[in-house]
Every structure is written in structure tokens, then in C-alpha cells.
Amino acid sequence: MASNKKRKEVILNEETIAILQEKAKRQGRNLKNYMEFVLCEDANSFLEEPKALEIRKALLLSRTQSEAGLVKTNENVINAAKKRVNAHSVDKAS
């Protein structure tokens, strides 16, 4: 099974690492697993926001188009969705 995960380097100060290690221990996780968990939870909570729902729909459309041979990059789809949402948004600050 192919994995679509990406590796990213994160540089944090020692105090932050110590705090995260303590929080990880309290949850019975190692530091790497805890950081992945926290980031995934944060990203998933974003998907509940109205703007994110529009982006999610656009990504599903992109996947369908890719499978049909009409390829668009995720970046293009996300940018188009953001433009549509921001054009109709009452909250122009976000």
C-alpha cells in the first residue's frame, strides 16, 4: 500500500521540546507520536470550519477529476476554493 505521507523537519527550542515530552508522557506516547497526534487533531478541527468545508469539496472534486484523467494540482484547487470563499465571505479578515 502506497503511503502519501510527507516528512517535515521542525526546529523547536529546548524548553518547548521538554514541555512536549512531558505532555507526551502523560498521554503514554513518545514525543514524535504526540506531535503527529496534536498536528492531526489541529488540522482536523480546521476541517469543521465553513471555509474548510469548501476546500474539502474542491479537493474531492480534484480527486475525481484526477481519476478521470483531468488532472489539476491540489494547490490550484485549494487556491481557487479560497478565492471563491473569500469573495463571498462576510469575514474578509480571515
PDB file of N, CA and C in Angstrom:
ATOM      1  N   MET A   1       0.848  -1.185   0.000  1.00  0.00           N
ATOM      2  CA  MET A   1       0.000   0.000   0.000  1.00  0.00           C
ATOM      3  C   MET A   1       0.891   1.246   0.000  1.00  0.00           C
ATOM      4  N   ALA A   2       0.663   2.142  -0.922  1.00  0.00           N
ATOM      5  CA  ALA A   2       1.465   3.358  -1.032  1.00  0.00           C
ATOM      6  C   ALA A   2       1.041   4.359   0.042  1.00  0.00           C
ATOM      7  N   SER A   3       2.026   5.005   0.632  1.00  0.00           N
ATOM      8  CA  SER A   3       1.757   5.991   1.664  1.00  0.00           C
ATOM      9  C   SER A   3       1.883   7.387   1.062  1.00  0.00           C
ATOM     10  N   ASN A   4       0.954   8.257   1.387  1.00  0.00           N
ATOM     11  CA  ASN A   4       1.026   9.620   0.869  1.00  0.00           C
ATOM     12  C   ASN A   4       1.422  10.594   1.981  1.00  0.00           C
ATOM     13  N   LYS A   5       2.246  10.127   2.906  1.00  0.00           N
ATOM     14  CA  LYS A   5       2.727  10.960   3.998  1.00  0.00           C
ATOM     15  C   LYS A   5       3.973  11.705   3.556  1.00  0.00           C
ATOM     16  N   LYS A   6       4.221  12.857   4.177  1.00  0.00           N
ATOM     17  CA  LYS A   6       5.411  13.649   3.882  1.00  0.00           C
ATOM     18  C   LYS A   6       6.173  13.886   5.168  1.00  0.00           C
ATOM     19  N   ARG A   7       7.480  13.960   5.032  1.00  0.00           N
ATOM     20  CA  ARG A   7       8.346  14.260   6.162  1.00  0.00           C
ATOM     21  C   ARG A   7       8.624  15.761   6.174  1.00  0.00           C
ATOM     22  N   LYS A   8       8.589  16.349   7.343  1.00  0.00           N
ATOM     23  CA  LYS A   8       8.921  17.760   7.511  1.00  0.00           C
ATOM     24  C   LYS A   8       9.800  17.900   8.745  1.00  0.00           C
ATOM     25  N   GLU A   9      10.818  18.721   8.640  1.00  0.00           N
ATOM     26  CA  GLU A   9      11.683  18.983   9.787  1.00  0.00           C
ATOM     27  C   GLU A   9      11.102  20.137  10.584  1.00  0.00           C
ATOM     28  N   VAL A  10      11.083  19.973  11.904  1.00  0.00           N
ATOM     29  CA  VAL A  10      10.576  21.010  12.789  1.00  0.00           C
ATOM     30  C   VAL A  10      11.689  21.378  13.759  1.00  0.00           C
ATOM     31  N   ILE A  11      11.970  22.656  13.863  1.00  0.00           N
ATOM     32  CA  ILE A  11      13.013  23.121  14.767  1.00  0.00           C
ATOM     33  C   ILE A  11      12.342  23.873  15.909  1.00  0.00           C
ATOM     34  N   LEU A  12      12.543  23.353  17.128  1.00  0.00           N
ATOM     35  CA  LEU A  12      11.946  23.944  18.319  1.00  0.00           C
ATOM     36  C   LEU A  12      13.027  24.170  19.366  1.00  0.00           C
ATOM     37  N   ASN A  13      12.784  25.121  20.271  1.00  0.00           N
ATOM     38  CA  ASN A  13      13.763  25.339  21.335  1.00  0.00           C
ATOM     39  C   ASN A  13      13.645  24.235  22.388  1.00  0.00           C
ATOM     40  N   GLU A  14      14.669  24.120  23.226  1.00  0.00           N
ATOM     41  CA  GLU A  14      14.732  23.026  24.195  1.00  0.00           C
ATOM     42  C   GLU A  14      13.586  23.060  25.195  1.00  0.00           C
ATOM     43  N   GLU A  15      13.162  24.244  25.589  1.00  0.00           N
ATOM     44  CA  GLU A  15      12.062  24.375  26.550  1.00  0.00           C
ATOM     45  C   GLU A  15      10.767  23.806  25.958  1.00  0.00           C
ATOM     46  N   THR A  16      10.512  24.130  24.713  1.00  0.00           N
ATOM     47  CA  THR A  16       9.312  23.629  24.042  1.00  0.00           C
ATOM     48  C   THR A  16       9.359  22.109  23.933  1.00  0.00           C
ATOM     49  N   ILE A  17      10.515  21.574  23.577  1.00  0.00           N
ATOM     50  CA  ILE A  17      10.669  20.120  23.471  1.00  0.00           C
ATOM     51  C   ILE A  17      10.411  19.466  24.825  1.00  0.00           C
ATOM     52  N   ALA A  18      10.954  20.041  25.895  1.00  0.00           N
ATOM     53  CA  ALA A  18      10.756  19.480  27.238  1.00  0.00           C
ATOM     54  C   ALA A  18       9.282  19.472  27.623  1.00  0.00           C
ATOM     55  N   ILE A  19       8.585  20.551  27.313  1.00  0.00           N
ATOM     56  CA  ILE A  19       7.152  20.631  27.626  1.00  0.00           C
ATOM     57  C   ILE A  19       6.379  19.571  26.833  1.00  0.00           C
ATOM     58  N   LEU A  20       6.689  19.477  25.542  1.00  0.00           N
ATOM     59  CA  LEU A  20       6.003  18.490  24.710  1.00  0.00           C
ATOM     60  C   LEU A  20       6.305  17.057  25.154  1.00  0.00           C
ATOM     61  N   GLN A  21       7.543  16.806  25.588  1.00  0.00           N
ATOM     62  CA  GLN A  21       7.888  15.467  26.070  1.00  0.00           C
ATOM     63  C   GLN A  21       7.085  15.120  27.319  1.00  0.00           C
ATOM     64  N   GLU A  22       6.922  16.081  28.204  1.00  0.00           N
ATOM     65  CA  GLU A  22       6.136  15.834  29.419  1.00  0.00           C
ATOM     66  C   GLU A  22       4.671  15.561  29.076  1.00  0.00           C
ATOM     67  N   LYS A  23       4.118  16.339  28.167  1.00  0.00           N
ATOM     68  CA  LYS A  23       2.728  16.122  27.747  1.00  0.00           C
ATOM     69  C   LYS A  23       2.576  14.762  27.072  1.00  0.00           C
ATOM     70  N   ALA A  24       3.573  14.376  26.289  1.00  0.00           N
ATOM     71  CA  ALA A  24       3.539  13.075  25.617  1.00  0.00           C
ATOM     72  C   ALA A  24       3.544  11.944  26.647  1.00  0.00           C
ATOM     73  N   LYS A  25       4.406  12.055  27.668  1.00  0.00           N
ATOM     74  CA  LYS A  25       4.476  11.033  28.720  1.00  0.00           C
ATOM     75  C   LYS A  25       3.130  10.878  29.420  1.00  0.00           C
ATOM     76  N   ARG A  26       2.486  11.996  29.690  1.00  0.00           N
ATOM     77  CA  ARG A  26       1.181  11.964  30.379  1.00  0.00           C
ATOM     78  C   ARG A  26       0.122  11.228  29.556  1.00  0.00           C
ATOM     79  N   GLN A  27       0.270  11.242  28.240  1.00  0.00           N
ATOM     80  CA  GLN A  27      -0.674  10.538  27.372  1.00  0.00           C
ATOM     81  C   GLN A  27      -0.178   9.155  26.978  1.00  0.00           C
ATOM     82  N   GLY A  28       0.978   8.757  27.500  1.00  0.00           N
ATOM     83  CA  GLY A  28       1.523   7.442  27.180  1.00  0.00           C
ATOM     84  C   GLY A  28       2.021   7.338  25.751  1.00  0.00           C
ATOM     85  N   ARG A  29       2.527   8.431  25.223  1.00  0.00           N
ATOM     86  CA  ARG A  29       3.029   8.479  23.850  1.00  0.00           C
ATOM     87  C   ARG A  29       4.498   8.881  23.855  1.00  0.00           C
ATOM     88  N   ASN A  30       5.186   8.565  22.753  1.00  0.00           N
ATOM     89  CA  ASN A  30       6.521   9.126  22.603  1.00  0.00           C
ATOM     90  C   ASN A  30       6.373  10.510  21.970  1.00  0.00           C
ATOM     91  N   LEU A  31       7.445  11.270  21.968  1.00  0.00           N
ATOM     92  CA  LEU A  31       7.375  12.668  21.516  1.00  0.00           C
ATOM     93  C   LEU A  31       6.921  12.781  20.062  1.00  0.00           C
ATOM     94  N   LYS A  32       7.510  11.991  19.181  1.00  0.00           N
ATOM     95  CA  LYS A  32       7.157  12.066  17.765  1.00  0.00           C
ATOM     96  C   LYS A  32       5.678  11.742  17.553  1.00  0.00           C
ATOM     97  N   ASN A  33       5.219  10.675  18.186  1.00  0.00           N
ATOM     98  CA  ASN A  33       3.817  10.279  18.046  1.00  0.00           C
ATOM     99  C   ASN A  33       2.892  11.362  18.593  1.00  0.00           C
ATOM    100  N   TYR A  34       3.265  11.965  19.715  1.00  0.00           N
ATOM    101  CA  TYR A  34       2.439  13.012  20.311  1.00  0.00           C
ATOM    102  C   TYR A  34       2.349  14.226  19.396  1.00  0.00           C
ATOM    103  N   MET A  35       3.483  14.630  18.826  1.00  0.00           N
ATOM    104  CA  MET A  35       3.486  15.787  17.930  1.00  0.00           C
ATOM    105  C   MET A  35       2.632  15.512  16.693  1.00  0.00           C
ATOM    106  N   GLU A  36       2.734  14.319  16.135  1.00  0.00           N
ATOM    107  CA  GLU A  36       1.904  13.958  14.984  1.00  0.00           C
ATOM    108  C   GLU A  36       0.424  13.996  15.356  1.00  0.00           C
ATOM    109  N   PHE A  37       0.101  13.459  16.539  1.00  0.00           N
ATOM    110  CA  PHE A  37      -1.282  13.440  17.017  1.00  0.00           C
ATOM    111  C   PHE A  37      -1.834  14.857  17.149  1.00  0.00           C
ATOM    112  N   VAL A  38      -1.060  15.741  17.800  1.00  0.00           N
ATOM    113  CA  VAL A  38      -1.505  17.121  18.021  1.00  0.00           C
ATOM    114  C   VAL A  38      -1.723  17.837  16.694  1.00  0.00           C
ATOM    115  N   LEU A  39      -0.801  17.660  15.760  1.00  0.00           N
ATOM    116  CA  LEU A  39      -0.938  18.331  14.468  1.00  0.00           C
ATOM    117  C   LEU A  39      -2.129  17.800  13.674  1.00  0.00           C
ATOM    118  N   CYS A  40      -2.344  16.498  13.719  1.00  0.00           N
ATOM    119  CA  CYS A  40      -3.505  15.912  13.023  1.00  0.00           C
ATOM    120  C   CYS A  40      -4.807  16.410  13.631  1.00  0.00           C
ATOM    121  N   GLU A  41      -4.869  16.463  14.958  1.00  0.00           N
ATOM    122  CA  GLU A  41      -6.072  16.963  15.628  1.00  0.00           C
ATOM    123  C   GLU A  41      -6.350  18.414  15.251  1.00  0.00           C
ATOM    124  N   ASP A  42      -5.300  19.218  15.203  1.00  0.00           N
ATOM    125  CA  ASP A  42      -5.462  20.622  14.839  1.00  0.00           C
ATOM    126  C   ASP A  42      -5.957  20.755  13.393  1.00  0.00           C
ATOM    127  N   ALA A  43      -5.368  19.975  12.498  1.00  0.00           N
ATOM    128  CA  ALA A  43      -5.786  20.030  11.091  1.00  0.00           C
ATOM    129  C   ALA A  43      -7.227  19.564  10.941  1.00  0.00           C
ATOM    130  N   ASN A  44      -7.599  18.515  11.643  1.00  0.00           N
ATOM    131  CA  ASN A  44      -8.965  18.002  11.540  1.00  0.00           C
ATOM    132  C   ASN A  44      -9.980  18.963  12.135  1.00  0.00           C
ATOM    133  N   SER A  45      -9.607  19.703  13.174  1.00  0.00           N
ATOM    134  CA  SER A  45     -10.541  20.676  13.734  1.00  0.00           C
ATOM    135  C   SER A  45     -10.778  21.807  12.740  1.00  0.00           C
ATOM    136  N   PHE A  46      -9.774  22.123  11.935  1.00  0.00           N
ATOM    137  CA  PHE A  46      -9.921  23.140  10.894  1.00  0.00           C
ATOM    138  C   PHE A  46     -10.955  22.712   9.862  1.00  0.00           C
ATOM    139  N   LEU A  47     -11.049  21.409   9.602  1.00  0.00           N
ATOM    140  CA  LEU A  47     -11.974  20.921   8.585  1.00  0.00           C
ATOM    141  C   LEU A  47     -13.430  21.130   8.962  1.00  0.00           C
ATOM    142  N   GLU A  48     -13.693  21.509  10.194  1.00  0.00           N
ATOM    143  CA  GLU A  48     -15.063  21.780  10.615  1.00  0.00           C
ATOM    144  C   GLU A  48     -15.469  23.224  10.332  1.00  0.00           C
ATOM    145  N   GLU A  49     -14.512  24.070  10.008  1.00  0.00           N
ATOM    146  CA  GLU A  49     -14.818  25.465   9.728  1.00  0.00           C
ATOM    147  C   GLU A  49     -15.459  25.594   8.351  1.00  0.00           C
ATOM    148  N   PRO A  50     -16.372  26.543   8.163  1.00  0.00           N
ATOM    149  CA  PRO A  50     -17.082  26.685   6.879  1.00  0.00           C
ATOM    150  C   PRO A  50     -16.162  26.829   5.669  1.00  0.00           C
ATOM    151  N   LYS A  51     -15.116  27.623   5.770  1.00  0.00           N
ATOM    152  CA  LYS A  51     -14.212  27.789   4.639  1.00  0.00           C
ATOM    153  C   LYS A  51     -13.522  26.478   4.300  1.00  0.00           C
ATOM    154  N   ALA A  52     -13.193  25.725   5.320  1.00  0.00           N
ATOM    155  CA  ALA A  52     -12.509  24.449   5.095  1.00  0.00           C
ATOM    156  C   ALA A  52     -13.426  23.453   4.401  1.00  0.00           C
ATOM    157  N   LEU A  53     -14.712  23.530   4.677  1.00  0.00           N
ATOM    158  CA  LEU A  53     -15.655  22.622   4.011  1.00  0.00           C
ATOM    159  C   LEU A  53     -15.649  22.857   2.503  1.00  0.00           C
ATOM    160  N   GLU A  54     -15.547  24.120   2.097  1.00  0.00           N
ATOM    161  CA  GLU A  54     -15.476  24.449   0.668  1.00  0.00           C
ATOM    162  C   GLU A  54     -14.188  23.892   0.066  1.00  0.00           C
ATOM    163  N   ILE A  55     -13.099  24.025   0.799  1.00  0.00           N
ATOM    164  CA  ILE A  55     -11.812  23.500   0.328  1.00  0.00           C
ATOM    165  C   ILE A  55     -11.871  21.981   0.230  1.00  0.00           C
ATOM    166  N   ARG A  56     -12.490  21.351   1.213  1.00  0.00           N
ATOM    167  CA  ARG A  56     -12.616  19.889   1.195  1.00  0.00           C
ATOM    168  C   ARG A  56     -13.411  19.430  -0.033  1.00  0.00           C
ATOM    169  N   LYS A  57     -14.517  20.131  -0.339  1.00  0.00           N
ATOM    170  CA  LYS A  57     -15.309  19.791  -1.532  1.00  0.00           C
ATOM    171  C   LYS A  57     -14.451  19.926  -2.789  1.00  0.00           C
ATOM    172  N   ALA A  58     -13.649  20.982  -2.836  1.00  0.00           N
ATOM    173  CA  ALA A  58     -12.795  21.203  -4.003  1.00  0.00           C
ATOM    174  C   ALA A  58     -11.758  20.094  -4.132  1.00  0.00           C
ATOM    175  N   LEU A  59     -11.214  19.635  -3.020  1.00  0.00           N
ATOM    176  CA  LEU A  59     -10.235  18.541  -3.073  1.00  0.00           C
ATOM    177  C   LEU A  59     -10.887  17.246  -3.550  1.00  0.00           C
ATOM    178  N   LEU A  60     -12.107  16.989  -3.119  1.00  0.00           N
ATOM    179  CA  LEU A  60     -12.820  15.799  -3.594  1.00  0.00           C
ATOM    180  C   LEU A  60     -13.070  15.889  -5.093  1.00  0.00           C
ATOM    181  N   LEU A  61     -13.434  17.079  -5.566  1.00  0.00           N
ATOM    182  CA  LEU A  61     -13.621  17.286  -6.995  1.00  0.00           C
ATOM    183  C   LEU A  61     -12.316  17.043  -7.735  1.00  0.00           C
ATOM    184  N   SER A  62     -11.218  17.542  -7.183  1.00  0.00           N
ATOM    185  CA  SER A  62      -9.905  17.347  -7.790  1.00  0.00           C
ATOM    186  C   SER A  62      -9.558  15.871  -7.888  1.00  0.00           C
ATOM    187  N   ARG A  63      -9.834  15.123  -6.829  1.00  0.00           N
ATOM    188  CA  ARG A  63      -9.546  13.691  -6.842  1.00  0.00           C
ATOM    189  C   ARG A  63     -10.365  12.992  -7.920  1.00  0.00           C
ATOM    190  N   THR A  64     -11.632  13.360  -8.043  1.00  0.00           N
ATOM    191  CA  THR A  64     -12.494  12.781  -9.076  1.00  0.00           C
ATOM    192  C   THR A  64     -11.958  13.107 -10.462  1.00  0.00           C
ATOM    193  N   GLN A  65     -11.551  14.350 -10.655  1.00  0.00           N
ATOM    194  CA  GLN A  65     -11.008  14.755 -11.953  1.00  0.00           C
ATOM    195  C   GLN A  65      -9.694  14.039 -12.243  1.00  0.00           C
ATOM    196  N   SER A  66      -8.884  13.839 -11.226  1.00  0.00           N
ATOM    197  CA  SER A  66      -7.627  13.114 -11.417  1.00  0.00           C
ATOM    198  C   SER A  66      -7.893  11.687 -11.867  1.00  0.00           C
ATOM    199  N   GLU A  67      -8.848  11.048 -11.220  1.00  0.00           N
ATOM    200  CA  GLU A  67      -9.176   9.668 -11.567  1.00  0.00           C
ATOM    201  C   GLU A  67      -9.736   9.583 -12.985  1.00  0.00           C
ATOM    202  N   ALA A  68     -10.378  10.663 -13.437  1.00  0.00           N
ATOM    203  CA  ALA A  68     -10.930  10.690 -14.786  1.00  0.00           C
ATOM    204  C   ALA A  68      -9.908  11.150 -15.818  1.00  0.00           C
ATOM    205  N   GLY A  69      -8.697  11.467 -15.369  1.00  0.00           N
ATOM    206  CA  GLY A  69      -7.656  11.903 -16.290  1.00  0.00           C
ATOM    207  C   GLY A  69      -7.608  13.394 -16.504  1.00  0.00           C
ATOM    208  N   LEU A  70      -8.452  14.128 -15.815  1.00  0.00           N
ATOM    209  CA  LEU A  70      -8.450  15.590 -15.905  1.00  0.00           C
ATOM    210  C   LEU A  70      -7.719  16.129 -14.681  1.00  0.00           C
ATOM    211  N   VAL A  71      -6.411  16.154 -14.740  1.00  0.00           N
ATOM    212  CA  VAL A  71      -5.588  16.405 -13.563  1.00  0.00           C
ATOM    213  C   VAL A  71      -5.456  17.894 -13.275  1.00  0.00           C
ATOM    214  N   LYS A  72      -5.711  18.236 -12.028  1.00  0.00           N
ATOM    215  CA  LYS A  72      -5.437  19.568 -11.502  1.00  0.00           C
ATOM    216  C   LYS A  72      -4.638  19.353 -10.216  1.00  0.00           C
ATOM    217  N   THR A  73      -3.680  20.220  -9.960  1.00  0.00           N
ATOM    218  CA  THR A  73      -2.909  20.065  -8.730  1.00  0.00           C
ATOM    219  C   THR A  73      -3.756  20.502  -7.541  1.00  0.00           C
ATOM    220  N   ASN A  74      -3.476  19.915  -6.384  1.00  0.00           N
ATOM    221  CA  ASN A  74      -4.200  20.292  -5.174  1.00  0.00           C
ATOM    222  C   ASN A  74      -4.023  21.776  -4.872  1.00  0.00           C
ATOM    223  N   GLU A  75      -2.837  22.291  -5.140  1.00  0.00           N
ATOM    224  CA  GLU A  75      -2.568  23.703  -4.873  1.00  0.00           C
ATOM    225  C   GLU A  75      -3.500  24.597  -5.693  1.00  0.00           C
ATOM    226  N   ASN A  76      -3.681  24.272  -6.961  1.00  0.00           N
ATOM    227  CA  ASN A  76      -4.585  25.061  -7.812  1.00  0.00           C
ATOM    228  C   ASN A  76      -6.019  24.980  -7.311  1.00  0.00           C
ATOM    229  N   VAL A  77      -6.427  23.789  -6.911  1.00  0.00           N
ATOM    230  CA  VAL A  77      -7.799  23.599  -6.426  1.00  0.00           C
ATOM    231  C   VAL A  77      -8.015  24.365  -5.124  1.00  0.00           C
ATOM    232  N   ILE A  78      -7.058  24.273  -4.214  1.00  0.00           N
ATOM    233  CA  ILE A  78      -7.185  24.968  -2.929  1.00  0.00           C
ATOM    234  C   ILE A  78      -7.230  26.473  -3.139  1.00  0.00           C
ATOM    235  N   ASN A  79      -6.358  26.995  -3.979  1.00  0.00           N
ATOM    236  CA  ASN A  79      -6.349  28.438  -4.235  1.00  0.00           C
ATOM    237  C   ASN A  79      -7.652  28.909  -4.864  1.00  0.00           C
ATOM    238  N   ALA A  80      -8.194  28.143  -5.785  1.00  0.00           N
ATOM    239  CA  ALA A  80      -9.465  28.506  -6.411  1.00  0.00           C
ATOM    240  C   ALA A  80     -10.595  28.503  -5.392  1.00  0.00           C
ATOM    241  N   ALA A  81     -10.602  27.495  -4.520  1.00  0.00           N
ATOM    242  CA  ALA A  81     -11.638  27.413  -3.488  1.00  0.00           C
ATOM    243  C   ALA A  81     -11.529  28.575  -2.515  1.00  0.00           C
ATOM    244  N   LYS A  82     -10.308  28.919  -2.122  1.00  0.00           N
ATOM    245  CA  LYS A  82     -10.110  30.047  -1.202  1.00  0.00           C
ATOM    246  C   LYS A  82     -10.601  31.344  -1.820  1.00  0.00           C
ATOM    247  N   LYS A  83     -10.321  31.543  -3.112  1.00  0.00           N
ATOM    248  CA  LYS A  83     -10.776  32.755  -3.782  1.00  0.00           C
ATOM    249  C   LYS A  83     -12.300  32.836  -3.802  1.00  0.00           C
ATOM    250  N   ARG A  84     -12.955  31.692  -4.102  1.00  0.00           N
ATOM    251  CA  ARG A  84     -14.424  31.674  -4.118  1.00  0.00           C
ATOM    252  C   ARG A  84     -14.990  31.969  -2.740  1.00  0.00           C
ATOM    253  N   VAL A  85     -14.434  31.347  -1.730  1.00  0.00           N
ATOM    254  CA  VAL A  85     -14.939  31.534  -0.366  1.00  0.00           C
ATOM    255  C   VAL A  85     -14.701  32.965   0.084  1.00  0.00           C
ATOM    256  N   ASN A  86     -13.503  33.478  -0.133  1.00  0.00           N
ATOM    257  CA  ASN A  86     -13.202  34.840   0.310  1.00  0.00           C
ATOM    258  C   ASN A  86     -14.033  35.873  -0.442  1.00  0.00           C
ATOM    259  N   ALA A  87     -14.372  35.613  -1.675  1.00  0.00           N
ATOM    260  CA  ALA A  87     -15.182  36.546  -2.452  1.00  0.00           C
ATOM    261  C   ALA A  87     -16.595  36.636  -1.890  1.00  0.00           C
ATOM    262  N   HIS A  88     -17.072  35.562  -1.276  1.00  0.00           N
ATOM    263  CA  HIS A  88     -18.437  35.539  -0.738  1.00  0.00           C
ATOM    264  C   HIS A  88     -18.486  35.622   0.775  1.00  0.00           C
ATOM    265  N   SER A  89     -17.342  35.819   1.399  1.00  0.00           N
ATOM    266  CA  SER A  89     -17.262  35.799   2.853  1.00  0.00           C
ATOM    267  C   SER A  89     -17.630  37.147   3.442  1.00  0.00           C
ATOM    268  N   VAL A  90     -18.348  37.083   4.542  1.00  0.00           N
ATOM    269  CA  VAL A  90     -18.666  38.291   5.291  1.00  0.00           C
ATOM    270  C   VAL A  90     -17.435  38.710   6.089  1.00  0.00           C
ATOM    271  N   ASP A  91     -16.683  37.709   6.544  1.00  0.00           N
ATOM    272  CA  ASP A  91     -15.467  37.938   7.334  1.00  0.00           C
ATOM    273  C   ASP A  91     -14.268  38.025   6.411  1.00  0.00           C
ATOM    274  N   LYS A  92     -13.969  39.205   5.922  1.00  0.00           N
ATOM    275  CA  LYS A  92     -12.870  39.400   4.971  1.00  0.00           C
ATOM    276  C   LYS A  92     -11.505  39.327   5.647  1.00  0.00           C
ATOM    277  N   ALA A  93     -11.460  39.363   6.985  1.00  0.00           N
ATOM    278  CA  ALA A  93     -10.180  39.378   7.690  1.00  0.00           C
ATOM    279  C   ALA A  93      -9.504  38.018   7.689  1.00  0.00           C
ATOM    280  N   SER A  94     -10.236  36.931   7.530  1.00  0.00           N
ATOM    281  CA  SER A  94      -9.607  35.613   7.623  1.00  0.00           C
ATOM    282  C   SER A  94      -9.261  35.036   6.295  1.00  0.00           C
TER     283      SER A  94
END
